[in-house]
Protein backbone atom coordinates (compact mmCIF):
# COMPACT_ATOMS: atom_id res chain seq x y z
CA UNK A 1 -79.61 34.42 -41.77
CA UNK A 2 -77.94 31.70 -42.60
CA UNK A 3 -75.82 30.55 -45.77
CA UNK A 4 -75.09 27.25 -46.21
CA UNK A 5 -73.28 25.18 -49.28
CA UNK A 6 -74.27 21.39 -50.46
CA UNK A 7 -73.90 19.28 -53.55
CA UNK A 8 -77.12 19.08 -55.67
CA UNK A 9 -77.10 15.13 -55.31
CA UNK A 10 -77.00 15.27 -51.70
CA UNK A 11 -80.75 14.95 -50.10
CA UNK A 12 -82.68 18.07 -48.84
CA UNK A 13 -82.55 18.46 -45.42
CA UNK A 14 -85.09 20.15 -43.12
CA UNK A 15 -83.09 23.08 -42.39
CA UNK A 16 -81.72 24.07 -46.11
CA UNK A 17 -84.40 26.76 -46.87
CA UNK A 18 -84.04 28.01 -49.96
CA UNK A 19 -82.78 25.83 -52.22
CA UNK A 20 -80.63 27.64 -54.70
CA UNK A 21 -78.44 25.78 -57.51
CA UNK A 22 -75.30 28.54 -58.70
CA UNK A 23 -74.02 26.21 -61.53
CA UNK A 24 -73.78 27.29 -65.11
CA UNK A 25 -74.47 23.51 -66.48
CA UNK A 26 -77.16 21.19 -65.42
CA UNK A 27 -76.02 18.72 -63.00
CA UNK A 28 -75.23 15.28 -64.44
CA UNK A 29 -77.68 12.45 -64.02
CA UNK A 30 -79.84 14.73 -62.22
CA UNK A 31 -83.74 15.48 -62.81
CA UNK A 32 -85.25 18.65 -62.30
CA UNK A 33 -87.20 17.08 -59.83
CA UNK A 34 -84.99 15.32 -57.95
CA UNK A 35 -83.17 18.33 -57.42
CA UNK A 36 -86.03 19.82 -55.21
CA UNK A 37 -84.83 23.33 -56.51
CA UNK A 38 -86.21 26.63 -55.51
CA UNK A 39 -83.83 28.11 -57.70
CA UNK A 40 -81.83 27.89 -60.94
CA UNK A 41 -79.17 30.80 -60.54
CA UNK A 42 -76.73 30.24 -63.41
CA UNK A 43 -76.18 33.82 -64.08
CA UNK A 44 -74.76 34.08 -61.09
CA UNK A 45 -72.13 31.76 -61.84
CA UNK A 46 -68.37 31.57 -63.05
CA UNK A 47 -68.00 32.30 -67.04
CA UNK A 48 -67.07 28.91 -69.11
CA UNK A 49 -63.73 30.74 -69.76
CA UNK A 50 -63.10 30.78 -66.22
CA UNK A 51 -64.27 27.87 -64.88
CA UNK A 52 -62.28 25.66 -67.68
CA UNK A 53 -59.41 27.79 -66.64
CA UNK A 54 -59.94 26.68 -63.48
CA UNK A 55 -61.14 23.13 -63.59
CA UNK A 56 -61.83 22.54 -59.99
CA UNK A 57 -57.35 22.17 -58.99
CA UNK A 58 -57.18 23.11 -55.45
CA UNK A 59 -53.92 24.95 -55.98
CA UNK A 60 -55.93 27.31 -58.38
CA UNK A 61 -58.26 28.16 -56.19
CA UNK A 62 -56.82 31.39 -54.34
CA UNK A 63 -56.71 32.57 -57.95
CA UNK A 64 -59.89 31.53 -59.16
CA UNK A 65 -61.73 33.40 -56.42
CA UNK A 66 -59.97 36.49 -57.69
CA UNK A 67 -61.30 36.56 -61.07
CA UNK A 68 -64.57 35.18 -59.64
CA UNK A 69 -64.73 37.98 -57.40
CA UNK A 70 -64.17 40.16 -60.81
CA UNK A 71 -66.56 38.26 -62.99
CA UNK A 72 -68.78 39.06 -59.82
CA UNK A 73 -69.03 43.11 -61.04
CA UNK A 74 -70.50 42.44 -64.28
CA UNK A 75 -74.06 43.99 -64.26
CA UNK A 76 -75.76 40.78 -64.29
CA UNK A 77 -73.62 38.67 -62.08
CA UNK A 78 -73.88 41.54 -59.59
CA UNK A 79 -78.20 41.32 -60.40
CA UNK A 80 -78.20 37.72 -59.69
CA UNK A 81 -75.95 38.40 -56.74
CA UNK A 82 -78.38 40.79 -55.44
CA UNK A 83 -81.64 38.42 -56.17
CA UNK A 84 -79.63 35.70 -53.42
CA UNK A 85 -79.27 38.63 -51.11
CA UNK A 86 -83.02 39.34 -51.11
CA UNK A 87 -83.59 35.37 -50.90
CA UNK A 88 -81.32 35.55 -47.96
CA UNK A 89 -83.74 37.65 -45.94
CA UNK A 90 -86.47 35.20 -46.00
CA UNK A 91 -84.60 32.96 -44.53
CA UNK A 92 -82.10 29.66 -44.47
CA UNK A 93 -80.38 30.13 -48.17
CA UNK A 94 -78.82 26.99 -49.37
CA UNK A 95 -76.41 27.05 -52.19
CA UNK A 96 -75.92 24.19 -54.46
CA UNK A 97 -73.35 22.58 -57.00
CA UNK A 98 -72.54 19.88 -58.78
CA UNK A 99 -68.75 19.73 -57.98
CA UNK A 100 -67.55 17.13 -55.59
CA UNK A 101 -65.14 19.61 -53.20
CA UNK A 102 -67.64 22.73 -52.19
CA UNK A 103 -65.59 24.22 -50.43
CA UNK A 104 -63.42 25.24 -53.63
CA UNK A 105 -66.37 25.95 -55.23
CA UNK A 106 -68.08 29.50 -56.56
CA UNK A 107 -70.37 28.06 -54.35
CA UNK A 108 -68.10 28.79 -51.64
CA UNK A 109 -67.02 32.04 -52.63
CA UNK A 110 -70.75 33.36 -52.94
CA UNK A 111 -71.53 31.77 -49.31
CA UNK A 112 -68.92 33.86 -48.45
CA UNK A 113 -70.46 37.49 -50.06
CA UNK A 114 -73.55 36.75 -48.94
CA UNK A 115 -72.45 35.88 -45.04
CA UNK A 116 -69.96 39.16 -45.36
CA UNK A 117 -73.27 41.14 -46.55
CA UNK A 118 -75.42 39.77 -43.18
């Protein structure tokens, strides 16, 4: 099944399937109703320390990706990632993030991992 990455601020699309927010912090200025979420998987998000270090600086993305992959070996994060895999088995999965640069986000890393595990 397809895995897509979108900004949580965008309107839902008919093909989104299951919509999961993968940020640790709730998106600023967005109500839960307006987000149109099926789940909030904050346990799969990067640690606060890693998020602060990265600061969404594109030049740090390769190192961020490497560190984030290491964090995903943590049992709690691994369980959250397995939950996303199970959701993906039921149809399309859309990973949502508040970041403006979705191509350099944890959601993009997760989509890559999930796509490889199909």
